[in-house]
Every structure is written in C-alpha cells, then in structure tokens.
Amino acid sequence: MMTILILDDDQSIRNSLKLYLTEIGFNIEESHCVKEAWEILKTKKIDLILCDVIMPQTDGFTFLSELRLNSKYSLLPVIFLTARGLTQDRILGYKIGCDSYISKPFNIEELVVIIENLLNRYALIRLNIEKKQKNSLSSNLIKRDLKENFTPREQSVLDLVVNGLMNKQIAINLNISIRIVEKYVSRLFIKTKTQNRTELVKYALENNLTELN
C-alpha cells in the first residue's frame, strides 16, 4: 500500500484529504508543520507528499528545497496544494522541484489522477535505477571473478601482452625464461577461451582484466 504524507497546517484540509484518500486505498501520514514532517520521513516510508506552501515557521518552498538537496528524497514526488495561485509562485515551485502545483480549491478526482500518474512514473524511474545498479553490480562481480581466476604471475603476463610485448620482452621484463612465458600465455588462452594473442588482448580489454594501458 502506497503511503502519502499530507503536510498542511489546516486540520480540516488534512481531515478531508485523509478521509477520501484512505477510502480509495492509500495509507496516510499527516503533519501540521515541516519539523514534524521531517520526523515522519525519518521513520516512515513515504511515497508521495501533498504539501501546503504557506505554513508557520518554515514554508513549503523551503521544505521542498531542503528535500531536493537530500539524495534520499531527491526523487520523492511532491505536489503543492496551496491558495497561492500566482504565476510567479507556480514558477518558483516548479523551479525548486515540485511535480505539480494545484491551487485551492481543487477537484479531488483530478488530484487523485495526478497522484496515481506520479506514483506510476516514479515507480518506473526507481525500477530502472535499481535495474542499472543491479546490472552494474553483476558486471563488476563477473569481472572480479575473472580476475581472481588468474594467478599473480598470469596477471603480470597478461598485462604485458595487452601492452604489446612479445614473449622475449616479457621474459626479460619478468626475469623468467621464454619457455615459461609461453606456458603462461597458453594457460591464459585456455582460461579465457581465446585462440591467439589478438583475441586475448580483446577479451582482456572488454572485461577490464588489465590495469595497464
């Protein structure tokens, strides 16, 4: 169940919104001031905020500015519900980062449509972000596993192969015989399932298996 935080110093507004939104399936948290709203955000999972602009102590614009500076809440949908319907106020609201600016009095059915659209949109955004993070983590784990498949000496040989050194040069660089270098290169072919040095270099670069350039 999605949770909506209603931030408004008008008790009657909070009661009306809570009654209607609860009936259609939303869980509601409510606050009469910004300080209390922050306490709720710290302890509850909030999916969307309905926020008044004119409030005692801290107004809605300031609250939204602080919210957008916090990475944890930067994507949290915020709808301004306010009697301040002047164009410059709406422009300021959108500049700060509100998702919708609705003047009071408003149509509750229209508000519900906006809420549902924002929740659906941000759910997709979060899903895409999580998918990218998961793919990145999976890719990093695969690369780490591939690297761990090499011995330190094999890794040293691979780094030098990627940098274009031939077996004789590698032998001199690592102070080992050419025959031993050939054995290491053969092992690298087997472990990477490549057929020649060109394929080996391509494989190493594509999978970030070397730190030398």
Protein backbone atom coordinates (compact mmCIF):
# COMPACT_ATOMS: atom_id res chain seq x y z
CA MET A 1 0.00 0.00 0.00
CA MET A 2 1.35 3.42 -1.01
CA THR A 3 1.80 5.99 1.76
CA ILE A 4 1.07 9.68 1.25
CA LEU A 5 2.25 12.37 3.65
CA ILE A 6 -0.15 15.31 3.94
CA LEU A 7 1.73 18.40 5.14
CA ASP A 8 -0.72 21.21 5.86
CA ASP A 9 -1.35 23.38 8.91
CA ASP A 10 -5.10 23.36 8.16
CA GLN A 11 -6.66 20.50 10.12
CA SER A 12 -9.83 20.50 8.02
CA ILE A 13 -7.82 20.08 4.79
CA ARG A 14 -5.86 17.21 6.28
CA ASN A 15 -9.02 15.51 7.51
CA SER A 16 -10.81 15.82 4.17
CA LEU A 17 -7.85 14.52 2.17
CA LYS A 18 -7.17 11.71 4.62
CA LEU A 19 -10.80 10.56 4.54
CA TYR A 20 -11.00 10.44 0.75
CA LEU A 21 -7.54 9.03 0.06
CA THR A 22 -7.91 6.34 2.72
CA GLU A 23 -11.19 5.20 1.20
CA ILE A 24 -9.56 4.62 -2.20
CA GLY A 25 -6.69 2.58 -0.79
CA PHE A 26 -3.87 4.89 0.29
CA ASN A 27 -2.16 4.86 3.66
CA ILE A 28 -1.96 8.36 5.11
CA GLU A 29 0.53 10.13 7.37
CA GLU A 30 -0.17 13.73 8.32
CA SER A 31 1.74 16.68 9.68
CA HIS A 32 0.89 20.28 10.57
CA CYS A 33 4.47 21.59 10.22
CA VAL A 34 7.74 20.94 8.44
CA LYS A 35 9.60 19.88 11.58
CA GLU A 36 7.08 17.12 12.23
CA ALA A 37 7.16 16.13 8.54
CA TRP A 38 10.92 15.51 8.74
CA GLU A 39 10.41 13.27 11.76
CA ILE A 40 7.86 11.24 9.81
CA LEU A 41 10.19 10.94 6.83
CA LYS A 42 12.92 9.57 9.09
CA THR A 43 10.71 6.80 10.48
CA LYS A 44 8.20 6.03 7.72
CA LYS A 45 8.44 5.04 4.05
CA ILE A 46 6.69 7.87 2.21
CA ASP A 47 5.82 7.51 -1.47
CA LEU A 48 4.41 11.00 -2.16
CA ILE A 49 3.91 14.29 -0.34
CA LEU A 50 0.97 16.69 -0.56
CA CYS A 51 2.36 19.96 0.72
CA ASP A 52 0.93 23.37 1.54
CA VAL A 53 3.06 26.42 0.74
CA ILE A 54 2.04 28.85 3.49
CA MET A 55 2.86 27.34 6.88
CA PRO A 56 4.19 28.66 10.19
CA GLN A 57 7.95 28.75 10.81
CA THR A 58 9.06 27.00 7.59
CA ASP A 59 7.13 27.36 4.33
CA GLY A 60 6.62 24.74 1.62
CA PHE A 61 9.19 26.25 -0.74
CA THR A 62 11.95 25.99 1.88
CA PHE A 63 10.91 22.46 2.79
CA LEU A 64 10.99 21.34 -0.85
CA SER A 65 14.40 22.94 -1.38
CA GLU A 66 15.83 21.01 1.57
CA LEU A 67 14.12 17.86 0.38
CA ARG A 68 15.66 18.05 -3.10
CA LEU A 69 19.15 18.58 -1.64
CA ASN A 70 18.86 15.28 0.22
CA SER A 71 19.77 12.37 -2.08
CA LYS A 72 17.43 10.07 -0.16
CA TYR A 73 14.41 12.18 -1.11
CA SER A 74 15.51 13.75 -4.39
CA LEU A 75 13.07 11.60 -6.38
CA LEU A 76 10.19 11.75 -3.91
CA PRO A 77 7.10 13.13 -5.71
CA VAL A 78 5.78 16.38 -4.22
CA ILE A 79 2.51 18.11 -5.05
CA PHE A 80 1.89 21.64 -3.82
CA LEU A 81 -1.69 22.27 -2.71
CA THR A 82 -1.99 25.97 -1.97
CA ALA A 83 -4.13 29.06 -2.04
CA ARG A 84 -1.17 30.90 -3.57
CA GLY A 85 -2.03 30.55 -7.24
CA LEU A 86 0.02 33.42 -8.63
CA THR A 87 2.08 32.62 -11.72
CA GLN A 88 5.37 33.57 -10.06
CA ASP A 89 4.59 31.22 -7.18
CA ARG A 90 3.92 28.33 -9.55
CA ILE A 91 7.11 29.08 -11.48
CA LEU A 92 9.10 29.14 -8.24
CA GLY A 93 7.54 25.83 -7.17
CA TYR A 94 8.50 24.12 -10.41
CA LYS A 95 11.99 25.60 -10.34
CA ILE A 96 12.58 24.25 -6.86
CA GLY A 97 11.36 20.82 -7.93
CA CYS A 98 7.66 20.25 -7.26
CA ASP A 99 5.97 17.76 -9.57
CA SER A 100 2.62 19.50 -9.66
CA TYR A 101 1.21 22.79 -8.38
CA ILE A 102 -2.52 22.82 -7.64
CA SER A 103 -4.41 25.86 -6.40
CA LYS A 104 -7.07 25.58 -3.71
CA PRO A 105 -9.94 24.89 -4.01
CA PHE A 106 -9.19 21.85 -6.18
CA ASN A 107 -11.06 18.93 -7.69
CA ILE A 108 -10.30 15.83 -5.64
CA GLU A 109 -10.76 13.45 -8.60
CA GLU A 110 -8.24 15.45 -10.63
CA LEU A 111 -5.84 15.34 -7.69
CA VAL A 112 -6.17 11.55 -7.46
CA VAL A 113 -5.34 11.16 -11.17
CA ILE A 114 -2.23 13.32 -10.73
CA ILE A 115 -1.19 11.32 -7.66
CA GLU A 116 -1.59 7.99 -9.45
CA ASN A 117 0.30 9.21 -12.53
CA LEU A 118 3.21 10.47 -10.43
CA LEU A 119 3.40 7.29 -8.37
CA ASN A 120 3.43 5.17 -11.54
CA ARG A 121 6.07 7.35 -13.20
CA TYR A 122 8.40 7.39 -10.22
CA ALA A 123 7.95 3.66 -9.68
CA LEU A 124 9.27 3.12 -13.22
CA ILE A 125 12.15 5.53 -12.62
CA ARG A 126 13.15 3.74 -9.43
CA LEU A 127 12.82 0.37 -11.15
CA ASN A 128 15.15 1.47 -13.96
CA ILE A 129 17.68 2.85 -11.46
CA GLU A 130 17.62 -0.38 -9.45
CA LYS A 131 17.99 -2.43 -12.65
CA LYS A 132 21.03 -0.40 -13.73
CA GLN A 133 22.58 -0.72 -10.28
CA LYS A 134 21.95 -4.47 -10.28
CA ASN A 135 23.43 -4.88 -13.77
CA SER A 136 26.47 -2.80 -12.77
CA LEU A 137 26.98 -4.86 -9.62
CA SER A 138 26.60 -8.10 -11.56
CA SER A 139 29.08 -6.91 -14.19
CA ASN A 140 31.61 -5.92 -11.51
CA LEU A 141 31.25 -9.28 -9.79
CA ILE A 142 31.84 -11.11 -13.06
CA LYS A 143 34.95 -9.06 -13.77
CA ARG A 144 36.23 -9.66 -10.25
CA ASP A 145 35.64 -13.40 -10.61
CA LEU A 146 37.50 -13.41 -13.92
CA LYS A 147 40.46 -11.61 -12.38
CA GLU A 148 40.54 -13.94 -9.41
CA ASN A 149 40.80 -16.82 -11.88
CA PHE A 150 44.36 -15.71 -12.71
CA THR A 151 47.45 -16.25 -10.58
CA PRO A 152 49.56 -13.14 -9.86
CA ARG A 153 52.14 -14.28 -12.43
CA GLU A 154 49.47 -14.92 -15.07
CA GLN A 155 48.08 -11.46 -14.43
CA SER A 156 51.53 -9.94 -14.88
CA VAL A 157 51.97 -11.76 -18.18
CA LEU A 158 48.51 -10.70 -19.33
CA ASP A 159 49.21 -7.06 -18.52
CA LEU A 160 52.38 -7.15 -20.61
CA VAL A 161 50.67 -8.97 -23.51
CA VAL A 162 47.97 -6.29 -23.56
CA ASN A 163 50.71 -3.65 -23.73
CA GLY A 164 52.08 -5.28 -26.88
CA LEU A 165 55.19 -7.01 -25.51
CA MET A 166 56.28 -10.21 -27.21
CA ASN A 167 57.35 -13.34 -25.31
CA LYS A 168 61.05 -12.44 -25.33
CA GLN A 169 60.33 -8.96 -23.97
CA ILE A 170 58.00 -10.37 -21.33
CA ALA A 171 60.69 -12.87 -20.28
CA ILE A 172 63.20 -10.06 -19.83
CA ASN A 173 60.71 -7.86 -18.02
CA LEU A 174 59.72 -10.59 -15.54
CA ASN A 175 63.18 -12.20 -15.39
CA ILE A 176 61.91 -15.62 -16.45
CA SER A 177 62.64 -17.87 -19.45
CA ILE A 178 60.79 -17.56 -22.77
CA ARG A 179 59.58 -21.16 -22.35
CA ILE A 180 57.88 -20.28 -19.06
CA VAL A 181 56.30 -17.23 -20.66
CA GLU A 182 54.93 -19.48 -23.41
CA LYS A 183 53.37 -21.73 -20.76
CA TYR A 184 51.72 -18.77 -19.06
CA VAL A 185 50.37 -17.46 -22.35
CA SER A 186 48.99 -20.93 -23.15
CA ARG A 187 47.25 -21.03 -19.77
CA LEU A 188 45.74 -17.61 -20.47
CA PHE A 189 44.39 -18.88 -23.81
CA ILE A 190 42.75 -21.81 -22.02
CA LYS A 191 41.29 -19.75 -19.16
CA THR A 192 39.91 -17.05 -21.46
CA LYS A 193 38.89 -19.49 -24.21
CA THR A 194 40.78 -17.48 -26.79
CA GLN A 195 42.84 -18.75 -29.72
CA ASN A 196 45.57 -16.16 -30.17
CA ARG A 197 47.13 -13.02 -28.70
CA THR A 198 44.76 -10.71 -30.60
CA GLU A 199 41.71 -12.43 -29.14
CA LEU A 200 43.33 -12.49 -25.71
CA VAL A 201 44.00 -8.76 -25.75
CA LYS A 202 40.46 -8.02 -26.93
CA TYR A 203 39.00 -10.24 -24.22
CA ALA A 204 41.12 -8.60 -21.51
CA LEU A 205 40.18 -5.08 -22.60
CA GLU A 206 36.48 -5.82 -22.96
CA ASN A 207 36.36 -7.30 -19.46
CA ASN A 208 38.69 -4.79 -17.76
CA LEU A 209 41.09 -7.56 -16.78
CA THR A 210 44.20 -5.44 -17.00
CA GLU A 211 45.20 -2.25 -15.24
CA LEU A 212 47.98 -1.37 -17.67
CA ASN A 213 47.38 0.80 -20.74
